[in-house]
């Protein structure tokens, strides 16, 4: 079946892994843990990684273990970060997005406000029809199957006509179970059935799209402004 929508992860998928932006967010989360728990920095940073691995997001883990309101974590550690200090407009990324001629949506465990600032800093803010964020997931982050099911229902498109592009191998299990086409961007091995590419520039070809000469400079195929997706 032809693809009718593509879900694209944000951090370390649309820009290089290990970039200063994501390192800044990680440090802010660690600082939040230090201030909230009184742990030393090294212990707090270890806890951040542990909770991220177990719960999908550190904020979710802090909520389960310390009864921290997740929105407080995002306000302090994510929404406070200015992406423009760390990333710049990327014309090549824009060109690669243009080569995907179906509606594109951001699918992220971050907040909508942060996602939109990152997209605007990269110069691709108009390349997406909408953003499915942590609020939309009802704070059930990837890889929770609930997040994926909610997105499929909101799109009104059969799951086997949706593709997921992500840098994190653990995020493909729920997508594969639903029948999505999955593309893993970056190093490491994904689960069986996932298409692996070295960088985002290879994604259009991996999805079966070929660049069209003469395509205009606007990103969204439909020409509509970005849709606000709400829970």
C-alpha atoms as a PDB file:
ATOM      1  CA  UNK A   1       0.000   0.000   0.000  1.00  0.00           C
ATOM      2  CA  UNK A   2       1.286   3.521  -0.742  1.00  0.00           C
ATOM      3  CA  UNK A   3       2.348   5.622   2.217  1.00  0.00           C
ATOM      4  CA  UNK A   4      -0.061   8.361   3.258  1.00  0.00           C
ATOM      5  CA  UNK A   5       1.799   9.841   6.247  1.00  0.00           C
ATOM      6  CA  UNK A   6       5.296   9.873   7.724  1.00  0.00           C
ATOM      7  CA  UNK A   7       6.015  10.276  11.439  1.00  0.00           C
ATOM      8  CA  UNK A   8       9.453  11.746  12.129  1.00  0.00           C
ATOM      9  CA  UNK A   9      11.238  11.861  15.452  1.00  0.00           C
ATOM     10  CA  UNK A  10      12.788  15.197  16.448  1.00  0.00           C
ATOM     11  CA  UNK A  11      15.933  15.120  18.574  1.00  0.00           C
ATOM     12  CA  UNK A  12      18.965  13.378  17.042  1.00  0.00           C
ATOM     13  CA  UNK A  13      16.920  12.371  13.997  1.00  0.00           C
ATOM     14  CA  UNK A  14      16.616  15.759  12.311  1.00  0.00           C
ATOM     15  CA  UNK A  15      20.039  16.844  13.563  1.00  0.00           C
ATOM     16  CA  UNK A  16      23.279  15.063  14.446  1.00  0.00           C
ATOM     17  CA  UNK A  17      23.349  12.721  17.468  1.00  0.00           C
ATOM     18  CA  UNK A  18      25.240  14.135  20.413  1.00  0.00           C
ATOM     19  CA  UNK A  19      24.657  17.719  19.309  1.00  0.00           C
ATOM     20  CA  UNK A  20      25.073  20.481  21.894  1.00  0.00           C
ATOM     21  CA  UNK A  21      21.294  20.956  21.942  1.00  0.00           C
ATOM     22  CA  UNK A  22      20.443  17.550  23.340  1.00  0.00           C
ATOM     23  CA  UNK A  23      23.431  17.692  25.701  1.00  0.00           C
ATOM     24  CA  UNK A  24      22.090  20.984  27.055  1.00  0.00           C
ATOM     25  CA  UNK A  25      18.653  19.473  27.641  1.00  0.00           C
ATOM     26  CA  UNK A  26      20.211  16.477  29.378  1.00  0.00           C
ATOM     27  CA  UNK A  27      22.230  18.741  31.679  1.00  0.00           C
ATOM     28  CA  UNK A  28      19.112  20.725  32.554  1.00  0.00           C
ATOM     29  CA  UNK A  29      17.292  17.513  33.458  1.00  0.00           C
ATOM     30  CA  UNK A  30      20.206  16.424  35.640  1.00  0.00           C
ATOM     31  CA  UNK A  31      20.193  19.822  37.336  1.00  0.00           C
ATOM     32  CA  UNK A  32      16.461  19.448  38.013  1.00  0.00           C
ATOM     33  CA  UNK A  33      17.134  16.107  39.698  1.00  0.00           C
ATOM     34  CA  UNK A  34      19.932  17.600  41.806  1.00  0.00           C
ATOM     35  CA  UNK A  35      17.701  20.440  42.971  1.00  0.00           C
ATOM     36  CA  UNK A  36      14.705  18.205  43.642  1.00  0.00           C
ATOM     37  CA  UNK A  37      16.421  15.231  45.298  1.00  0.00           C
ATOM     38  CA  UNK A  38      19.656  16.612  46.745  1.00  0.00           C
ATOM     39  CA  UNK A  39      21.711  13.961  44.936  1.00  0.00           C
ATOM     40  CA  UNK A  40      25.270  14.732  43.854  1.00  0.00           C
ATOM     41  CA  UNK A  41      25.656  15.549  40.168  1.00  0.00           C
ATOM     42  CA  UNK A  42      27.151  12.187  39.186  1.00  0.00           C
ATOM     43  CA  UNK A  43      24.393  10.247  40.953  1.00  0.00           C
ATOM     44  CA  UNK A  44      21.700  12.513  39.521  1.00  0.00           C
ATOM     45  CA  UNK A  45      23.051  12.053  35.994  1.00  0.00           C
ATOM     46  CA  UNK A  46      23.132   8.290  36.459  1.00  0.00           C
ATOM     47  CA  UNK A  47      19.526   8.399  37.705  1.00  0.00           C
ATOM     48  CA  UNK A  48      18.529  10.466  34.654  1.00  0.00           C
ATOM     49  CA  UNK A  49      19.866   7.789  32.325  1.00  0.00           C
ATOM     50  CA  UNK A  50      18.333   4.973  34.354  1.00  0.00           C
ATOM     51  CA  UNK A  51      14.858   6.537  34.365  1.00  0.00           C
ATOM     52  CA  UNK A  52      15.055   7.348  30.659  1.00  0.00           C
ATOM     53  CA  UNK A  53      15.893   3.741  29.903  1.00  0.00           C
ATOM     54  CA  UNK A  54      13.145   2.309  32.105  1.00  0.00           C
ATOM     55  CA  UNK A  55      10.272   4.734  31.522  1.00  0.00           C
ATOM     56  CA  UNK A  56      10.864   6.269  28.075  1.00  0.00           C
ATOM     57  CA  UNK A  57      11.446   9.731  29.541  1.00  0.00           C
ATOM     58  CA  UNK A  58      13.181  10.839  32.710  1.00  0.00           C
ATOM     59  CA  UNK A  59      10.147  12.971  33.550  1.00  0.00           C
ATOM     60  CA  UNK A  60       7.925   9.889  33.526  1.00  0.00           C
ATOM     61  CA  UNK A  61      10.334   8.084  35.816  1.00  0.00           C
ATOM     62  CA  UNK A  62      10.519  11.020  38.225  1.00  0.00           C
ATOM     63  CA  UNK A  63       6.748  11.026  38.378  1.00  0.00           C
ATOM     64  CA  UNK A  64       6.609   7.321  39.235  1.00  0.00           C
ATOM     65  CA  UNK A  65       9.460   7.318  41.749  1.00  0.00           C
ATOM     66  CA  UNK A  66       9.316  10.785  43.322  1.00  0.00           C
ATOM     67  CA  UNK A  67       5.770  11.974  42.539  1.00  0.00           C
ATOM     68  CA  UNK A  68       7.184  14.857  40.484  1.00  0.00           C
ATOM     69  CA  UNK A  69       4.712  16.602  38.175  1.00  0.00           C
ATOM     70  CA  UNK A  70       6.031  15.897  34.688  1.00  0.00           C
ATOM     71  CA  UNK A  71       5.151  19.320  33.345  1.00  0.00           C
ATOM     72  CA  UNK A  72       7.522  20.840  35.925  1.00  0.00           C
ATOM     73  CA  UNK A  73      10.408  18.863  34.471  1.00  0.00           C
ATOM     74  CA  UNK A  74       9.587  19.979  30.931  1.00  0.00           C
ATOM     75  CA  UNK A  75       9.208  23.619  31.923  1.00  0.00           C
ATOM     76  CA  UNK A  76      12.544  23.665  33.744  1.00  0.00           C
ATOM     77  CA  UNK A  77      14.673  21.461  31.501  1.00  0.00           C
ATOM     78  CA  UNK A  78      13.171  21.511  28.009  1.00  0.00           C
ATOM     79  CA  UNK A  79      11.039  24.561  27.351  1.00  0.00           C
ATOM     80  CA  UNK A  80      13.707  26.806  28.901  1.00  0.00           C
ATOM     81  CA  UNK A  81      16.284  25.863  26.252  1.00  0.00           C
ATOM     82  CA  UNK A  82      16.750  28.098  23.206  1.00  0.00           C
ATOM     83  CA  UNK A  83      17.592  25.811  20.229  1.00  0.00           C
ATOM     84  CA  UNK A  84      18.925  28.756  18.207  1.00  0.00           C
ATOM     85  CA  UNK A  85      22.011  28.804  20.425  1.00  0.00           C
ATOM     86  CA  UNK A  86      22.923  25.291  19.308  1.00  0.00           C
ATOM     87  CA  UNK A  87      21.546  24.549  15.831  1.00  0.00           C
ATOM     88  CA  UNK A  88      21.167  26.508  12.600  1.00  0.00           C
ATOM     89  CA  UNK A  89      18.992  26.413   9.519  1.00  0.00           C
ATOM     90  CA  UNK A  90      19.752  23.321   7.448  1.00  0.00           C
ATOM     91  CA  UNK A  91      18.954  23.734   3.728  1.00  0.00           C
ATOM     92  CA  UNK A  92      19.950  20.127   3.012  1.00  0.00           C
ATOM     93  CA  UNK A  93      17.495  18.829   5.600  1.00  0.00           C
ATOM     94  CA  UNK A  94      14.814  20.973   4.012  1.00  0.00           C
ATOM     95  CA  UNK A  95      15.617  19.507   0.606  1.00  0.00           C
ATOM     96  CA  UNK A  96      15.377  15.960   1.946  1.00  0.00           C
ATOM     97  CA  UNK A  97      12.020  16.719   3.549  1.00  0.00           C
ATOM     98  CA  UNK A  98      10.798  18.132   0.248  1.00  0.00           C
ATOM     99  CA  UNK A  99      11.549  14.764  -1.320  1.00  0.00           C
ATOM    100  CA  UNK A 100       8.908  13.117   0.896  1.00  0.00           C
ATOM    101  CA  UNK A 101       5.691  13.993  -0.966  1.00  0.00           C
ATOM    102  CA  UNK A 102       3.201  12.901   1.703  1.00  0.00           C
ATOM    103  CA  UNK A 103       2.157  14.676   4.911  1.00  0.00           C
ATOM    104  CA  UNK A 104       4.915  14.719   7.533  1.00  0.00           C
ATOM    105  CA  UNK A 105       4.350  14.918  11.295  1.00  0.00           C
ATOM    106  CA  UNK A 106       6.750  15.301  14.191  1.00  0.00           C
ATOM    107  CA  UNK A 107       6.421  12.410  16.659  1.00  0.00           C
ATOM    108  CA  UNK A 108       8.297  13.317  19.829  1.00  0.00           C
ATOM    109  CA  UNK A 109       8.526  12.776  23.570  1.00  0.00           C
ATOM    110  CA  UNK A 110       9.278  16.487  23.951  1.00  0.00           C
ATOM    111  CA  UNK A 111       6.757  19.310  24.229  1.00  0.00           C
ATOM    112  CA  UNK A 112       5.099  20.974  21.288  1.00  0.00           C
ATOM    113  CA  UNK A 113       6.615  24.355  22.207  1.00  0.00           C
ATOM    114  CA  UNK A 114      10.144  22.922  22.209  1.00  0.00           C
ATOM    115  CA  UNK A 115       9.552  20.986  18.986  1.00  0.00           C
ATOM    116  CA  UNK A 116       8.317  24.059  17.153  1.00  0.00           C
ATOM    117  CA  UNK A 117      11.337  26.081  18.280  1.00  0.00           C
ATOM    118  CA  UNK A 118      13.696  23.347  17.072  1.00  0.00           C
ATOM    119  CA  UNK A 119      11.943  23.141  13.703  1.00  0.00           C
ATOM    120  CA  UNK A 120      12.055  26.901  13.269  1.00  0.00           C
ATOM    121  CA  UNK A 121      15.756  26.985  14.204  1.00  0.00           C
ATOM    122  CA  UNK A 122      16.434  24.325  11.569  1.00  0.00           C
ATOM    123  CA  UNK A 123      14.477  26.351   9.014  1.00  0.00           C
ATOM    124  CA  UNK A 124      11.911  23.599   8.423  1.00  0.00           C
ATOM    125  CA  UNK A 125       9.041  24.850  10.552  1.00  0.00           C
ATOM    126  CA  UNK A 126       6.666  24.836   7.588  1.00  0.00           C
ATOM    127  CA  UNK A 127       7.597  21.298   6.525  1.00  0.00           C
ATOM    128  CA  UNK A 128       5.232  19.536   8.896  1.00  0.00           C
ATOM    129  CA  UNK A 129       1.476  19.209   9.063  1.00  0.00           C
ATOM    130  CA  UNK A 130       1.459  18.837  12.835  1.00  0.00           C
ATOM    131  CA  UNK A 131       3.256  17.799  16.006  1.00  0.00           C
ATOM    132  CA  UNK A 132       2.366  14.778  18.135  1.00  0.00           C
ATOM    133  CA  UNK A 133       4.023  15.625  21.445  1.00  0.00           C
ATOM    134  CA  UNK A 134       4.216  14.358  25.016  1.00  0.00           C
ATOM    135  CA  UNK A 135       0.957  16.098  25.928  1.00  0.00           C
ATOM    136  CA  UNK A 136      -0.811  14.341  23.065  1.00  0.00           C
ATOM    137  CA  UNK A 137       0.507  11.030  24.421  1.00  0.00           C
ATOM    138  CA  UNK A 138      -1.144  11.796  27.784  1.00  0.00           C
ATOM    139  CA  UNK A 139       2.392  11.462  29.165  1.00  0.00           C
ATOM    140  CA  UNK A 140       2.729   7.912  27.858  1.00  0.00           C
ATOM    141  CA  UNK A 141       5.934   8.454  25.868  1.00  0.00           C
ATOM    142  CA  UNK A 142       7.460   6.341  23.136  1.00  0.00           C
ATOM    143  CA  UNK A 143       7.821   3.387  23.198  1.00  0.00           C
ATOM    144  CA  UNK A 144       4.391   3.109  24.904  1.00  0.00           C
ATOM    145  CA  UNK A 145       1.948   1.523  22.402  1.00  0.00           C
ATOM    146  CA  UNK A 146      -0.765   3.932  23.607  1.00  0.00           C
ATOM    147  CA  UNK A 147       1.044   6.891  22.025  1.00  0.00           C
ATOM    148  CA  UNK A 148       1.215   5.118  18.665  1.00  0.00           C
ATOM    149  CA  UNK A 149      -2.423   4.055  18.753  1.00  0.00           C
ATOM    150  CA  UNK A 150      -3.538   7.588  19.550  1.00  0.00           C
ATOM    151  CA  UNK A 151      -1.544   8.947  16.608  1.00  0.00           C
ATOM    152  CA  UNK A 152      -2.962   6.380  14.191  1.00  0.00           C
ATOM    153  CA  UNK A 153      -6.487   7.189  15.366  1.00  0.00           C
ATOM    154  CA  UNK A 154      -5.882  10.941  15.007  1.00  0.00           C
ATOM    155  CA  UNK A 155      -4.521  10.549  11.487  1.00  0.00           C
ATOM    156  CA  UNK A 156      -7.405   8.346  10.390  1.00  0.00           C
ATOM    157  CA  UNK A 157      -4.971   6.404   8.203  1.00  0.00           C
ATOM    158  CA  UNK A 158      -4.340   2.635   8.341  1.00  0.00           C
ATOM    159  CA  UNK A 159      -1.120   1.926  10.237  1.00  0.00           C
ATOM    160  CA  UNK A 160       0.375   0.035   7.289  1.00  0.00           C
ATOM    161  CA  UNK A 161       0.197   3.270   5.285  1.00  0.00           C
ATOM    162  CA  UNK A 162       2.226   5.186   7.875  1.00  0.00           C
ATOM    163  CA  UNK A 163       6.021   5.269   8.189  1.00  0.00           C
ATOM    164  CA  UNK A 164       8.051   5.995  11.317  1.00  0.00           C
ATOM    165  CA  UNK A 165      11.518   7.553  11.067  1.00  0.00           C
ATOM    166  CA  UNK A 166      13.473   7.485  14.347  1.00  0.00           C
ATOM    167  CA  UNK A 167      17.026   7.236  15.690  1.00  0.00           C
ATOM    168  CA  UNK A 168      16.137   5.081  18.714  1.00  0.00           C
ATOM    169  CA  UNK A 169      15.789   1.330  18.012  1.00  0.00           C
ATOM    170  CA  UNK A 170      13.527   0.742  21.008  1.00  0.00           C
ATOM    171  CA  UNK A 171      10.849   2.983  19.483  1.00  0.00           C
ATOM    172  CA  UNK A 172      10.102   0.583  16.628  1.00  0.00           C
ATOM    173  CA  UNK A 173       8.504  -2.304  18.497  1.00  0.00           C
ATOM    174  CA  UNK A 174       5.047  -0.769  18.838  1.00  0.00           C
ATOM    175  CA  UNK A 175       5.198   0.634  15.304  1.00  0.00           C
ATOM    176  CA  UNK A 176       6.093  -2.743  13.809  1.00  0.00           C
ATOM    177  CA  UNK A 177       3.326  -4.423  15.790  1.00  0.00           C
ATOM    178  CA  UNK A 178       0.854  -2.012  14.190  1.00  0.00           C
ATOM    179  CA  UNK A 179       2.251  -2.677  10.727  1.00  0.00           C
ATOM    180  CA  UNK A 180       4.062   0.628  10.139  1.00  0.00           C
ATOM    181  CA  UNK A 181       7.031   0.964   7.809  1.00  0.00           C
ATOM    182  CA  UNK A 182      10.048   1.765  10.012  1.00  0.00           C
ATOM    183  CA  UNK A 183      13.288   3.547   9.136  1.00  0.00           C
ATOM    184  CA  UNK A 184      16.142   3.648  11.645  1.00  0.00           C
ATOM    185  CA  UNK A 185      18.413   6.674  11.203  1.00  0.00           C
ATOM    186  CA  UNK A 186      21.937   6.322  12.585  1.00  0.00           C
ATOM    187  CA  UNK A 187      24.288   3.748  14.029  1.00  0.00           C
ATOM    188  CA  UNK A 188      23.401   0.499  15.728  1.00  0.00           C
ATOM    189  CA  UNK A 189      21.090  -2.326  14.830  1.00  0.00           C
ATOM    190  CA  UNK A 190      17.328  -2.043  14.842  1.00  0.00           C
ATOM    191  CA  UNK A 191      14.908  -4.931  15.261  1.00  0.00           C
ATOM    192  CA  UNK A 192      14.156  -7.223  12.300  1.00  0.00           C
ATOM    193  CA  UNK A 193      11.928  -5.589   9.707  1.00  0.00           C
ATOM    194  CA  UNK A 194      13.382  -2.091  10.148  1.00  0.00           C
ATOM    195  CA  UNK A 195      15.107  -0.280   7.277  1.00  0.00           C
ATOM    196  CA  UNK A 196      18.439   1.172   8.434  1.00  0.00           C
ATOM    197  CA  UNK A 197      19.987   4.310   6.917  1.00  0.00           C
ATOM    198  CA  UNK A 198      23.101   6.246   7.877  1.00  0.00           C
ATOM    199  CA  UNK A 199      21.539   9.708   7.834  1.00  0.00           C
ATOM    200  CA  UNK A 200      18.316  11.553   7.141  1.00  0.00           C
ATOM    201  CA  UNK A 201      19.392  12.248   3.571  1.00  0.00           C
ATOM    202  CA  UNK A 202      18.804   8.571   2.779  1.00  0.00           C
ATOM    203  CA  UNK A 203      15.264   8.499   4.167  1.00  0.00           C
ATOM    204  CA  UNK A 204      13.304   9.527   1.024  1.00  0.00           C
ATOM    205  CA  UNK A 205      14.967   6.795  -1.020  1.00  0.00           C
ATOM    206  CA  UNK A 206      14.435   4.248   1.771  1.00  0.00           C
ATOM    207  CA  UNK A 207      10.715   5.063   1.694  1.00  0.00           C
ATOM    208  CA  UNK A 208      10.600   4.618  -2.064  1.00  0.00           C
ATOM    209  CA  UNK A 209      10.464   8.289  -3.007  1.00  0.00           C
ATOM    210  CA  UNK A 210      12.672   9.837  -5.651  1.00  0.00           C
ATOM    211  CA  UNK A 211      13.557  13.543  -5.705  1.00  0.00           C
ATOM    212  CA  UNK A 212      11.562  15.540  -8.246  1.00  0.00           C
ATOM    213  CA  UNK A 213      13.310  18.318 -10.096  1.00  0.00           C
ATOM    214  CA  UNK A 214      11.593  21.634 -10.122  1.00  0.00           C
ATOM    215  CA  UNK A 215       9.690  21.143  -6.906  1.00  0.00           C
ATOM    216  CA  UNK A 216       8.851  24.473  -5.271  1.00  0.00           C
ATOM    217  CA  UNK A 217      10.385  25.861  -2.101  1.00  0.00           C
ATOM    218  CA  UNK A 218       7.337  25.363   0.119  1.00  0.00           C
ATOM    219  CA  UNK A 219       7.454  22.234   2.252  1.00  0.00           C
ATOM    220  CA  UNK A 220       3.917  21.192   3.067  1.00  0.00           C
ATOM    221  CA  UNK A 221       2.497  19.522   0.001  1.00  0.00           C
ATOM    222  CA  UNK A 222      -0.959  20.804   0.765  1.00  0.00           C
ATOM    223  CA  UNK A 223       0.214  24.356   1.395  1.00  0.00           C
ATOM    224  CA  UNK A 224      -1.646  24.536   4.698  1.00  0.00           C
ATOM    225  CA  UNK A 225      -0.156  25.920   7.925  1.00  0.00           C
ATOM    226  CA  UNK A 226       0.999  23.515  10.597  1.00  0.00           C
ATOM    227  CA  UNK A 227      -1.914  21.802  12.328  1.00  0.00           C
ATOM    228  CA  UNK A 228      -2.244  22.080  16.073  1.00  0.00           C
ATOM    229  CA  UNK A 229      -2.706  18.560  17.400  1.00  0.00           C
ATOM    230  CA  UNK A 230      -4.285  18.384  20.819  1.00  0.00           C
ATOM    231  CA  UNK A 231      -4.905  15.496  23.238  1.00  0.00           C
END
